[in-house]
C-alpha atoms as a PDB file:
ATOM      1  CA  MET A   1     121.419 -16.054  69.359  1.00  0.00           C
ATOM      2  CA  ALA A   2     123.867 -13.853  70.694  1.00  0.00           C
ATOM      3  CA  THR A   3     126.586 -14.593  72.946  1.00  0.00           C
ATOM      4  CA  ALA A   4     128.377 -12.257  75.486  1.00  0.00           C
ATOM      5  CA  ILE A   5     131.445 -11.914  78.056  1.00  0.00           C
ATOM      6  CA  VAL A   6     131.187  -8.704  80.561  1.00  0.00           C
ATOM      7  CA  THR A   7     134.480  -9.027  82.911  1.00  0.00           C
ATOM      8  CA  GLY A   8     133.580  -7.087  85.799  1.00  0.00           C
ATOM      9  CA  SER A   9     130.204  -7.657  85.894  1.00  0.00           C
ATOM     10  CA  GLY A  10     129.652  -8.074  89.927  1.00  0.00           C
ATOM     11  CA  ARG A  11     128.750  -4.368  90.174  1.00  0.00           C
ATOM     12  CA  GLY A  12     129.011  -0.766  88.672  1.00  0.00           C
ATOM     13  CA  ILE A  13     129.060  -0.413  84.833  1.00  0.00           C
ATOM     14  CA  GLY A  14     129.909  -4.199  84.017  1.00  0.00           C
ATOM     15  CA  ARG A  15     126.837  -5.427  85.882  1.00  0.00           C
ATOM     16  CA  GLU A  16     124.202  -2.551  84.220  1.00  0.00           C
ATOM     17  CA  THR A  17     125.725  -3.458  80.818  1.00  0.00           C
ATOM     18  CA  ALA A  18     125.267  -7.576  81.514  1.00  0.00           C
ATOM     19  CA  ILE A  19     121.301  -6.493  82.372  1.00  0.00           C
ATOM     20  CA  LEU A  20     121.133  -4.213  79.294  1.00  0.00           C
ATOM     21  CA  LEU A  21     122.680  -7.222  76.996  1.00  0.00           C
ATOM     22  CA  ALA A  22     120.737 -10.026  78.862  1.00  0.00           C
ATOM     23  CA  LYS A  23     117.411  -7.841  78.159  1.00  0.00           C
ATOM     24  CA  LYS A  24     117.939  -7.531  74.201  1.00  0.00           C
ATOM     25  CA  GLY A  25     118.620 -11.226  74.196  1.00  0.00           C
ATOM     26  CA  VAL A  26     121.948 -12.172  73.959  1.00  0.00           C
ATOM     27  CA  ASN A  27     123.410 -14.634  76.675  1.00  0.00           C
ATOM     28  CA  VAL A  28     125.385 -12.896  78.989  1.00  0.00           C
ATOM     29  CA  VAL A  29     128.351 -15.146  80.510  1.00  0.00           C
ATOM     30  CA  VAL A  30     129.091 -12.935  84.295  1.00  0.00           C
ATOM     31  CA  CYS A  31     132.730 -12.686  85.461  1.00  0.00           C
ATOM     32  CA  SER A  32     134.135 -11.290  88.559  1.00  0.00           C
ATOM     33  CA  ARG A  33     136.628 -11.975  91.113  1.00  0.00           C
ATOM     34  CA  THR A  34     134.087 -12.350  94.150  1.00  0.00           C
ATOM     35  CA  GLN A  35     131.694 -15.252  93.660  1.00  0.00           C
ATOM     36  CA  SER A  36     128.821 -13.181  95.773  1.00  0.00           C
ATOM     37  CA  GLU A  37     128.286 -10.221  93.242  1.00  0.00           C
ATOM     38  CA  ILE A  38     128.427 -13.071  90.344  1.00  0.00           C
ATOM     39  CA  ASN A  39     125.479 -14.553  92.052  1.00  0.00           C
ATOM     40  CA  ASN A  40     123.941 -11.711  92.549  1.00  0.00           C
ATOM     41  CA  THR A  41     123.722 -10.209  88.911  1.00  0.00           C
ATOM     42  CA  VAL A  42     123.055 -13.786  87.797  1.00  0.00           C
ATOM     43  CA  GLU A  43     119.895 -13.956  89.987  1.00  0.00           C
ATOM     44  CA  ALA A  44     118.867  -9.932  88.568  1.00  0.00           C
ATOM     45  CA  ILE A  45     119.717 -10.925  85.121  1.00  0.00           C
ATOM     46  CA  LYS A  46     117.098 -14.731  85.042  1.00  0.00           C
ATOM     47  CA  GLU A  47     114.736 -12.410  86.320  1.00  0.00           C
ATOM     48  CA  ILE A  48     114.974 -10.786  82.406  1.00  0.00           C
ATOM     49  CA  HIS A  49     116.539 -13.647  80.387  1.00  0.00           C
ATOM     50  CA  LEU A  50     117.406 -17.522  81.217  1.00  0.00           C
ATOM     51  CA  GLY A  51     120.777 -17.352  79.200  1.00  0.00           C
ATOM     52  CA  VAL A  52     123.086 -16.351  81.721  1.00  0.00           C
ATOM     53  CA  LEU A  53     126.274 -17.931  83.265  1.00  0.00           C
ATOM     54  CA  GLY A  54     128.515 -16.737  86.052  1.00  0.00           C
ATOM     55  CA  VAL A  55     132.059 -17.842  86.225  1.00  0.00           C
ATOM     56  CA  LYS A  56     134.793 -16.724  88.696  1.00  0.00           C
ATOM     57  CA  CYS A  57     137.869 -15.106  86.997  1.00  0.00           C
ATOM     58  CA  ASP A  58     140.658 -12.934  87.928  1.00  0.00           C
ATOM     59  CA  VAL A  59     141.238 -11.066  84.439  1.00  0.00           C
ATOM     60  CA  SER A  60     144.724 -11.099  85.021  1.00  0.00           C
ATOM     61  CA  VAL A  61     145.479 -14.858  84.604  1.00  0.00           C
ATOM     62  CA  SER A  62     145.193 -16.137  81.791  1.00  0.00           C
ATOM     63  CA  TRP A  63     144.543 -20.226  82.614  1.00  0.00           C
ATOM     64  CA  GLN A  64     141.216 -18.053  84.476  1.00  0.00           C
ATOM     65  CA  VAL A  65     140.888 -16.513  81.289  1.00  0.00           C
ATOM     66  CA  ASP A  66     140.826 -19.190  79.255  1.00  0.00           C
ATOM     67  CA  ASN A  67     138.728 -21.186  81.834  1.00  0.00           C
ATOM     68  CA  LEU A  68     135.938 -17.964  81.098  1.00  0.00           C
ATOM     69  CA  VAL A  69     135.717 -18.753  77.957  1.00  0.00           C
ATOM     70  CA  LYS A  70     135.706 -22.328  77.686  1.00  0.00           C
ATOM     71  CA  LYS A  71     133.005 -22.694  80.076  1.00  0.00           C
ATOM     72  CA  ALA A  72     131.066 -19.542  77.793  1.00  0.00           C
ATOM     73  CA  VAL A  73     131.991 -21.721  74.543  1.00  0.00           C
ATOM     74  CA  GLU A  74     130.420 -24.843  76.033  1.00  0.00           C
ATOM     75  CA  LYS A  75     127.438 -23.493  77.144  1.00  0.00           C
ATOM     76  CA  PHE A  76     126.696 -20.723  74.847  1.00  0.00           C
ATOM     77  CA  GLY A  77     128.978 -21.320  71.737  1.00  0.00           C
ATOM     78  CA  PRO A  78     131.257 -18.408  70.484  1.00  0.00           C
ATOM     79  CA  VAL A  79     131.172 -15.892  71.876  1.00  0.00           C
ATOM     80  CA  ASP A  80     130.440 -12.733  70.145  1.00  0.00           C
ATOM     81  CA  ILE A  81     130.810  -9.830  72.273  1.00  0.00           C
ATOM     82  CA  LEU A  82     133.169  -9.576  74.511  1.00  0.00           C
ATOM     83  CA  VAL A  83     133.194  -5.721  77.419  1.00  0.00           C
ATOM     84  CA  ASN A  84     136.745  -5.689  78.698  1.00  0.00           C
ATOM     85  CA  ASN A  85     135.668  -3.895  82.064  1.00  0.00           C
ATOM     86  CA  ALA A  86     136.944  -5.022  84.499  1.00  0.00           C
ATOM     87  CA  GLY A  87     139.004  -2.655  86.263  1.00  0.00           C
ATOM     88  CA  ILE A  88     141.000  -1.461  89.658  1.00  0.00           C
ATOM     89  CA  PHE A  89     142.952   1.743  90.937  1.00  0.00           C
ATOM     90  CA  THR A  90     144.174   3.626  93.781  1.00  0.00           C
ATOM     91  CA  VAL A  91     145.070   7.310  93.702  1.00  0.00           C
ATOM     92  CA  LYS A  92     148.808   7.597  95.057  1.00  0.00           C
ATOM     93  CA  LYS A  93     151.771   9.718  94.003  1.00  0.00           C
ATOM     94  CA  LEU A  94     153.488   7.883  91.442  1.00  0.00           C
ATOM     95  CA  VAL A  95     156.950   7.963  94.085  1.00  0.00           C
ATOM     96  CA  ASP A  96     155.084   6.678  96.994  1.00  0.00           C
ATOM     97  CA  THR A  97     153.055   3.692  94.745  1.00  0.00           C
ATOM     98  CA  SER A  98     154.999   0.514  95.282  1.00  0.00           C
ATOM     99  CA  GLU A  99     156.124  -1.698  92.519  1.00  0.00           C
ATOM    100  CA  LYS A 100     152.930  -4.601  93.764  1.00  0.00           C
ATOM    101  CA  GLU A 101     150.837  -1.826  92.933  1.00  0.00           C
ATOM    102  CA  TRP A 102     151.477  -1.120  90.480  1.00  0.00           C
ATOM    103  CA  ASP A 103     152.176  -4.491  88.081  1.00  0.00           C
ATOM    104  CA  GLN A 104     148.116  -5.314  89.848  1.00  0.00           C
ATOM    105  CA  ILE A 105     146.772  -2.358  87.870  1.00  0.00           C
ATOM    106  CA  LEU A 106     148.167  -2.885  84.968  1.00  0.00           C
ATOM    107  CA  ALA A 107     147.646  -6.512  85.302  1.00  0.00           C
ATOM    108  CA  VAL A 108     144.070  -6.600  85.773  1.00  0.00           C
ATOM    109  CA  ASN A 109     143.183  -3.351  83.884  1.00  0.00           C
ATOM    110  CA  LEU A 110     145.860  -3.716  80.570  1.00  0.00           C
ATOM    111  CA  LYS A 111     146.919  -7.353  80.976  1.00  0.00           C
ATOM    112  CA  GLY A 112     142.877  -8.054  81.410  1.00  0.00           C
ATOM    113  CA  ALA A 113     141.603  -6.686  78.068  1.00  0.00           C
ATOM    114  CA  PHE A 114     144.900  -8.558  76.341  1.00  0.00           C
ATOM    115  CA  LEU A 115     144.211 -11.621  77.603  1.00  0.00           C
ATOM    116  CA  CYS A 116     140.502 -12.050  76.835  1.00  0.00           C
ATOM    117  CA  CYS A 117     140.576 -10.029  73.721  1.00  0.00           C
ATOM    118  CA  LYS A 118     143.197 -13.366  72.852  1.00  0.00           C
ATOM    119  CA  ALA A 119     140.752 -16.201  74.191  1.00  0.00           C
ATOM    120  CA  VAL A 120     138.128 -14.912  72.184  1.00  0.00           C
ATOM    121  CA  LEU A 121     139.117 -13.632  68.920  1.00  0.00           C
ATOM    122  CA  PRO A 122     139.559 -17.340  67.068  1.00  0.00           C
ATOM    123  CA  TYR A 123     135.939 -17.124  67.440  1.00  0.00           C
ATOM    124  CA  MET A 124     134.996 -13.889  65.970  1.00  0.00           C
ATOM    125  CA  LEU A 125     137.380 -14.633  63.425  1.00  0.00           C
ATOM    126  CA  ASP A 126     136.103 -18.019  61.746  1.00  0.00           C
ATOM    127  CA  LYS A 127     132.451 -16.562  62.563  1.00  0.00           C
ATOM    128  CA  ASN A 128     134.137 -13.663  60.816  1.00  0.00           C
ATOM    129  CA  SER A 129     131.396 -10.795  63.373  1.00  0.00           C
ATOM    130  CA  GLY A 130     132.190  -9.606  66.567  1.00  0.00           C
ATOM    131  CA  ALA A 131     131.744  -6.574  68.485  1.00  0.00           C
ATOM    132  CA  ILE A 132     134.548  -5.569  71.639  1.00  0.00           C
ATOM    133  CA  VAL A 133     134.377  -2.954  73.787  1.00  0.00           C
ATOM    134  CA  ASN A 134     137.167  -1.899  75.809  1.00  0.00           C
ATOM    135  CA  ILE A 135     136.407   0.354  79.101  1.00  0.00           C
ATOM    136  CA  SER A 136     138.789   2.781  79.386  1.00  0.00           C
ATOM    137  CA  SER A 137     138.642   6.452  80.702  1.00  0.00           C
ATOM    138  CA  GLY A 138     139.013  10.047  80.914  1.00  0.00           C
ATOM    139  CA  ALA A 139     141.871   9.085  82.311  1.00  0.00           C
ATOM    140  CA  GLY A 140     142.844   7.457  79.356  1.00  0.00           C
ATOM    141  CA  LYS A 141     143.377  10.548  77.380  1.00  0.00           C
ATOM    142  CA  VAL A 142     144.365  13.084  79.933  1.00  0.00           C
ATOM    143  CA  GLY A 143     147.019  12.358  83.052  1.00  0.00           C
ATOM    144  CA  PHE A 144     145.734  13.079  86.197  1.00  0.00           C
ATOM    145  CA  ASP A 145     147.512  14.178  89.286  1.00  0.00           C
ATOM    146  CA  SER A 146     147.961  10.774  91.888  1.00  0.00           C
ATOM    147  CA  LEU A 147     146.310   8.326  89.291  1.00  0.00           C
ATOM    148  CA  SER A 148     149.779   7.794  86.957  1.00  0.00           C
ATOM    149  CA  ALA A 149     149.347   3.733  87.118  1.00  0.00           C
ATOM    150  CA  TYR A 150     145.682   4.175  86.461  1.00  0.00           C
ATOM    151  CA  CYS A 151     146.159   6.875  83.400  1.00  0.00           C
ATOM    152  CA  ALA A 152     149.030   4.491  82.349  1.00  0.00           C
ATOM    153  CA  SER A 153     146.611   1.639  82.172  1.00  0.00           C
ATOM    154  CA  LYS A 154     144.095   3.225  80.510  1.00  0.00           C
ATOM    155  CA  PHE A 155     145.979   4.871  78.148  1.00  0.00           C
ATOM    156  CA  GLY A 156     147.335   1.635  76.977  1.00  0.00           C
ATOM    157  CA  MET A 157     144.424   0.604  76.887  1.00  0.00           C
ATOM    158  CA  MET A 158     143.291   3.071  73.597  1.00  0.00           C
ATOM    159  CA  GLY A 159     146.197   1.425  72.202  1.00  0.00           C
ATOM    160  CA  LEU A 160     144.944  -1.896  72.705  1.00  0.00           C
ATOM    161  CA  THR A 161     142.196  -0.656  71.178  1.00  0.00           C
ATOM    162  CA  GLU A 162     143.424   1.028  68.104  1.00  0.00           C
ATOM    163  CA  SER A 163     145.795  -1.630  67.347  1.00  0.00           C
ATOM    164  CA  LEU A 164     144.129  -4.666  67.558  1.00  0.00           C
ATOM    165  CA  SER A 165     141.295  -2.418  65.656  1.00  0.00           C
ATOM    166  CA  TRP A 166     143.695  -2.162  62.523  1.00  0.00           C
ATOM    167  CA  GLU A 167     144.211  -5.936  63.219  1.00  0.00           C
ATOM    168  CA  VAL A 168     140.491  -7.310  62.243  1.00  0.00           C
ATOM    169  CA  ALA A 169     139.059  -4.612  60.333  1.00  0.00           C
ATOM    170  CA  GLY A 170     138.908  -7.370  57.213  1.00  0.00           C
ATOM    171  CA  HIS A 171     137.150  -9.701  59.268  1.00  0.00           C
ATOM    172  CA  LYS A 172     134.081  -7.551  60.338  1.00  0.00           C
ATOM    173  CA  ILE A 173     134.976  -6.767  64.018  1.00  0.00           C
ATOM    174  CA  LYS A 174     134.293  -3.925  65.605  1.00  0.00           C
ATOM    175  CA  VAL A 175     136.665  -3.315  68.619  1.00  0.00           C
ATOM    176  CA  MET A 176     135.769   0.296  70.201  1.00  0.00           C
ATOM    177  CA  ALA A 177     136.361   2.440  73.378  1.00  0.00           C
ATOM    178  CA  ILE A 178     134.400   3.993  75.360  1.00  0.00           C
ATOM    179  CA  CYS A 179     135.895   7.175  77.986  1.00  0.00           C
ATOM    180  CA  PRO A 180     133.764   7.937  80.146  1.00  0.00           C
ATOM    181  CA  GLY A 181     134.181  10.298  83.244  1.00  0.00           C
ATOM    182  CA  GLU A 182     133.791  10.212  86.754  1.00  0.00           C
ATOM    183  CA  VAL A 183     131.156   7.243  87.622  1.00  0.00           C
ATOM    184  CA  ALA A 184     129.224   6.868  90.756  1.00  0.00           C
ATOM    185  CA  THR A 185     130.360   3.015  91.684  1.00  0.00           C
ATOM    186  CA  LYS A 186     132.030   1.645  94.365  1.00  0.00           C
ATOM    187  CA  MET A 187     135.452   2.202  92.656  1.00  0.00           C
ATOM    188  CA  GLN A 188     135.005   5.820  93.566  1.00  0.00           C
ATOM    189  CA  GLU A 189     133.524   5.470  96.879  1.00  0.00           C
ATOM    190  CA  ALA A 190     137.344   3.963  97.526  1.00  0.00           C
ATOM    191  CA  ASP A 191     137.613   7.657  99.045  1.00  0.00           C
ATOM    192  CA  PRO A 192     134.724   8.551 100.549  1.00  0.00           C
ATOM    193  CA  GLU A 193     135.383  12.221 100.645  1.00  0.00           C
ATOM    194  CA  TYR A 194     135.978  12.920  96.998  1.00  0.00           C
ATOM    195  CA  TYR A 195     132.560  10.847  96.380  1.00  0.00           C
ATOM    196  CA  LYS A 196     130.687  12.875  98.584  1.00  0.00           C
ATOM    197  CA  GLU A 197     132.006  15.781  97.371  1.00  0.00           C
ATOM    198  CA  ASN A 198     131.441  15.000  94.048  1.00  0.00           C
ATOM    199  CA  ARG A 199     128.998  12.548  93.673  1.00  0.00           C
ATOM    200  CA  ASP A 200     126.173  14.567  92.249  1.00  0.00           C
ATOM    201  CA  ARG A 201     128.027  15.348  89.056  1.00  0.00           C
ATOM    202  CA  MET A 202     128.878  11.925  87.920  1.00  0.00           C
ATOM    203  CA  LEU A 203     127.740   9.748  85.062  1.00  0.00           C
ATOM    204  CA  GLU A 204     125.573   6.701  87.070  1.00  0.00           C
ATOM    205  CA  PRO A 205     126.679   3.355  85.464  1.00  0.00           C
ATOM    206  CA  LYS A 206     123.412   2.681  83.262  1.00  0.00           C
ATOM    207  CA  GLN A 207     124.051   5.905  81.559  1.00  0.00           C
ATOM    208  CA  VAL A 208     127.814   4.520  80.579  1.00  0.00           C
ATOM    209  CA  ALA A 209     125.872   0.961  79.887  1.00  0.00           C
ATOM    210  CA  ALA A 210     123.401   2.122  77.847  1.00  0.00           C
ATOM    211  CA  LYS A 211     126.526   3.394  75.694  1.00  0.00           C
ATOM    212  CA  ILE A 212     128.036   0.613  75.880  1.00  0.00           C
ATOM    213  CA  VAL A 213     125.456  -1.460  74.352  1.00  0.00           C
ATOM    214  CA  ASP A 214     124.203   1.032  71.586  1.00  0.00           C
ATOM    215  CA  MET A 215     128.033   0.637  70.537  1.00  0.00           C
ATOM    216  CA  ILE A 216     127.526  -2.681  70.076  1.00  0.00           C
ATOM    217  CA  PHE A 217     124.767  -3.029  68.336  1.00  0.00           C
ATOM    218  CA  SER A 218     124.868   0.178  66.634  1.00  0.00           C
ATOM    219  CA  ASP A 219     125.812   0.933  62.822  1.00  0.00           C
ATOM    220  CA  LYS A 220     126.833   4.783  63.656  1.00  0.00           C
ATOM    221  CA  TYR A 221     129.928   3.879  65.922  1.00  0.00           C
ATOM    222  CA  ARG A 222     133.330   2.613  63.204  1.00  0.00           C
ATOM    223  CA  ASN A 223     135.852   0.628  64.485  1.00  0.00           C
ATOM    224  CA  GLY A 224     138.768   1.497  66.078  1.00  0.00           C
ATOM    225  CA  GLN A 225     136.289   4.211  67.206  1.00  0.00           C
ATOM    226  CA  SER A 226     136.707   6.081  71.107  1.00  0.00           C
ATOM    227  CA  VAL A 227     133.504   7.343  72.214  1.00  0.00           C
ATOM    228  CA  ASP A 228     133.704   9.849  74.813  1.00  0.00           C
ATOM    229  CA  ILE A 229     130.686  10.313  77.659  1.00  0.00           C
END
């Protein structure tokens, strides 16, 4: 039975992805910085599949990521699937963005993916199989006003994905990116006026989650591919 780690799975896209993976019989490790959100997702999954573990983790901190993967392996064995979904953003002009805000966004969105990939890859390389899906964004391909830090992190995610895909190409490990447009998540609600005006055209988290799961299990997606949705 396959085992998956889904970061940022306390809510939104991550939560829906974790639930869909559980429906496919995958053992799922739920990861978030917020314990109450972890508990909520874990309880929802238990109604579908008993193979679930919740671990509180800040993906920007290496020892916490190492602990996450250690607990996953102790519970279920080697990790087969990694979904790097954890992410944050702020809407600010570059000149108004503090160094602390810049560092935090890059640390969670990009460094977090690096740390998680680094921690799970030895197991995938040993098994000569695995799938990693990095959640980038339309903002990982086109720059947007007042999103310089977020765009930088998501452009970086694309480079990370493509580089890593070459490194593991001979080991039957797929590394892919998905680039959603705007999704109706709590992160978007940080700007209530914009959210209200644009809610009707936003993707639903379940739509993105369905595409992620399809990317993991379908042969129609190639190593290194980025998928727009």
